[in-house]
């Protein structure tokens, strides 16, 4: 599990002089089986239905 999402990774790569789209970064992450902590937190399942 990584602590950076595609936007932060893209920003870091741009600082180093690379031009990469967020879609490409996401595709590489998916191929490598990487998931950001933000994605996990955003899609947390509820045990009970809210009223």
C-alpha atoms as a PDB file:
ATOM      1  CA  UNK A   1       0.000   0.000   0.000  1.00  0.00           C
ATOM      2  CA  UNK A   2       1.364   3.408  -0.904  1.00  0.00           C
ATOM      3  CA  UNK A   3       0.635   6.742   0.694  1.00  0.00           C
ATOM      4  CA  UNK A   4       0.628   8.763  -2.502  1.00  0.00           C
ATOM      5  CA  UNK A   5      -2.058   8.984  -5.131  1.00  0.00           C
ATOM      6  CA  UNK A   6      -1.660   9.677  -8.833  1.00  0.00           C
ATOM      7  CA  UNK A   7      -1.722  13.462  -8.390  1.00  0.00           C
ATOM      8  CA  UNK A   8       1.139  13.537  -5.887  1.00  0.00           C
ATOM      9  CA  UNK A   9       3.178  11.044  -7.909  1.00  0.00           C
ATOM     10  CA  UNK A  10       2.626  13.154 -11.047  1.00  0.00           C
ATOM     11  CA  UNK A  11       3.757  16.304  -9.222  1.00  0.00           C
ATOM     12  CA  UNK A  12       6.942  14.599  -8.004  1.00  0.00           C
ATOM     13  CA  UNK A  13       7.711  13.303 -11.501  1.00  0.00           C
ATOM     14  CA  UNK A  14       7.182  16.781 -12.978  1.00  0.00           C
ATOM     15  CA  UNK A  15       9.639  18.204 -10.454  1.00  0.00           C
ATOM     16  CA  UNK A  16      12.182  15.678 -11.756  1.00  0.00           C
ATOM     17  CA  UNK A  17      11.503  16.696 -15.372  1.00  0.00           C
ATOM     18  CA  UNK A  18       9.175  13.866 -16.460  1.00  0.00           C
ATOM     19  CA  UNK A  19       5.874  14.432 -18.252  1.00  0.00           C
ATOM     20  CA  UNK A  20       3.409  11.667 -17.388  1.00  0.00           C
ATOM     21  CA  UNK A  21      -0.388  11.683 -17.300  1.00  0.00           C
ATOM     22  CA  UNK A  22      -2.356  10.624 -14.249  1.00  0.00           C
ATOM     23  CA  UNK A  23      -4.049   7.930 -16.347  1.00  0.00           C
ATOM     24  CA  UNK A  24      -0.694   6.356 -17.197  1.00  0.00           C
ATOM     25  CA  UNK A  25       0.367   6.446 -13.550  1.00  0.00           C
ATOM     26  CA  UNK A  26      -2.946   4.844 -12.535  1.00  0.00           C
ATOM     27  CA  UNK A  27      -2.531   2.124 -15.169  1.00  0.00           C
ATOM     28  CA  UNK A  28       0.997   1.331 -13.971  1.00  0.00           C
ATOM     29  CA  UNK A  29      -0.212   1.261 -10.361  1.00  0.00           C
ATOM     30  CA  UNK A  30      -2.991  -1.145 -11.342  1.00  0.00           C
ATOM     31  CA  UNK A  31      -0.570  -3.417 -13.234  1.00  0.00           C
ATOM     32  CA  UNK A  32       1.737  -3.509 -10.195  1.00  0.00           C
ATOM     33  CA  UNK A  33      -1.158  -4.105  -7.790  1.00  0.00           C
ATOM     34  CA  UNK A  34      -0.619  -0.799  -5.960  1.00  0.00           C
ATOM     35  CA  UNK A  35      -3.486   0.995  -4.235  1.00  0.00           C
ATOM     36  CA  UNK A  36      -3.236   4.369  -2.531  1.00  0.00           C
ATOM     37  CA  UNK A  37      -4.454   4.800   1.038  1.00  0.00           C
ATOM     38  CA  UNK A  38      -6.831   7.522  -0.212  1.00  0.00           C
ATOM     39  CA  UNK A  39      -8.601   5.047  -2.499  1.00  0.00           C
ATOM     40  CA  UNK A  40      -9.031   2.576   0.351  1.00  0.00           C
ATOM     41  CA  UNK A  41     -10.383   5.257   2.704  1.00  0.00           C
ATOM     42  CA  UNK A  42     -12.761   6.625   0.069  1.00  0.00           C
ATOM     43  CA  UNK A  43     -14.401   3.249  -0.599  1.00  0.00           C
ATOM     44  CA  UNK A  44     -14.688   1.900   2.918  1.00  0.00           C
ATOM     45  CA  UNK A  45     -17.654  -0.454   3.236  1.00  0.00           C
ATOM     46  CA  UNK A  46     -20.280   0.044   5.897  1.00  0.00           C
ATOM     47  CA  UNK A  47     -21.258  -2.881   8.092  1.00  0.00           C
ATOM     48  CA  UNK A  48     -24.798  -1.627   8.661  1.00  0.00           C
ATOM     49  CA  UNK A  49     -27.095   0.459   6.519  1.00  0.00           C
ATOM     50  CA  UNK A  50     -27.387   4.108   7.612  1.00  0.00           C
ATOM     51  CA  UNK A  51     -30.865   5.249   8.631  1.00  0.00           C
END
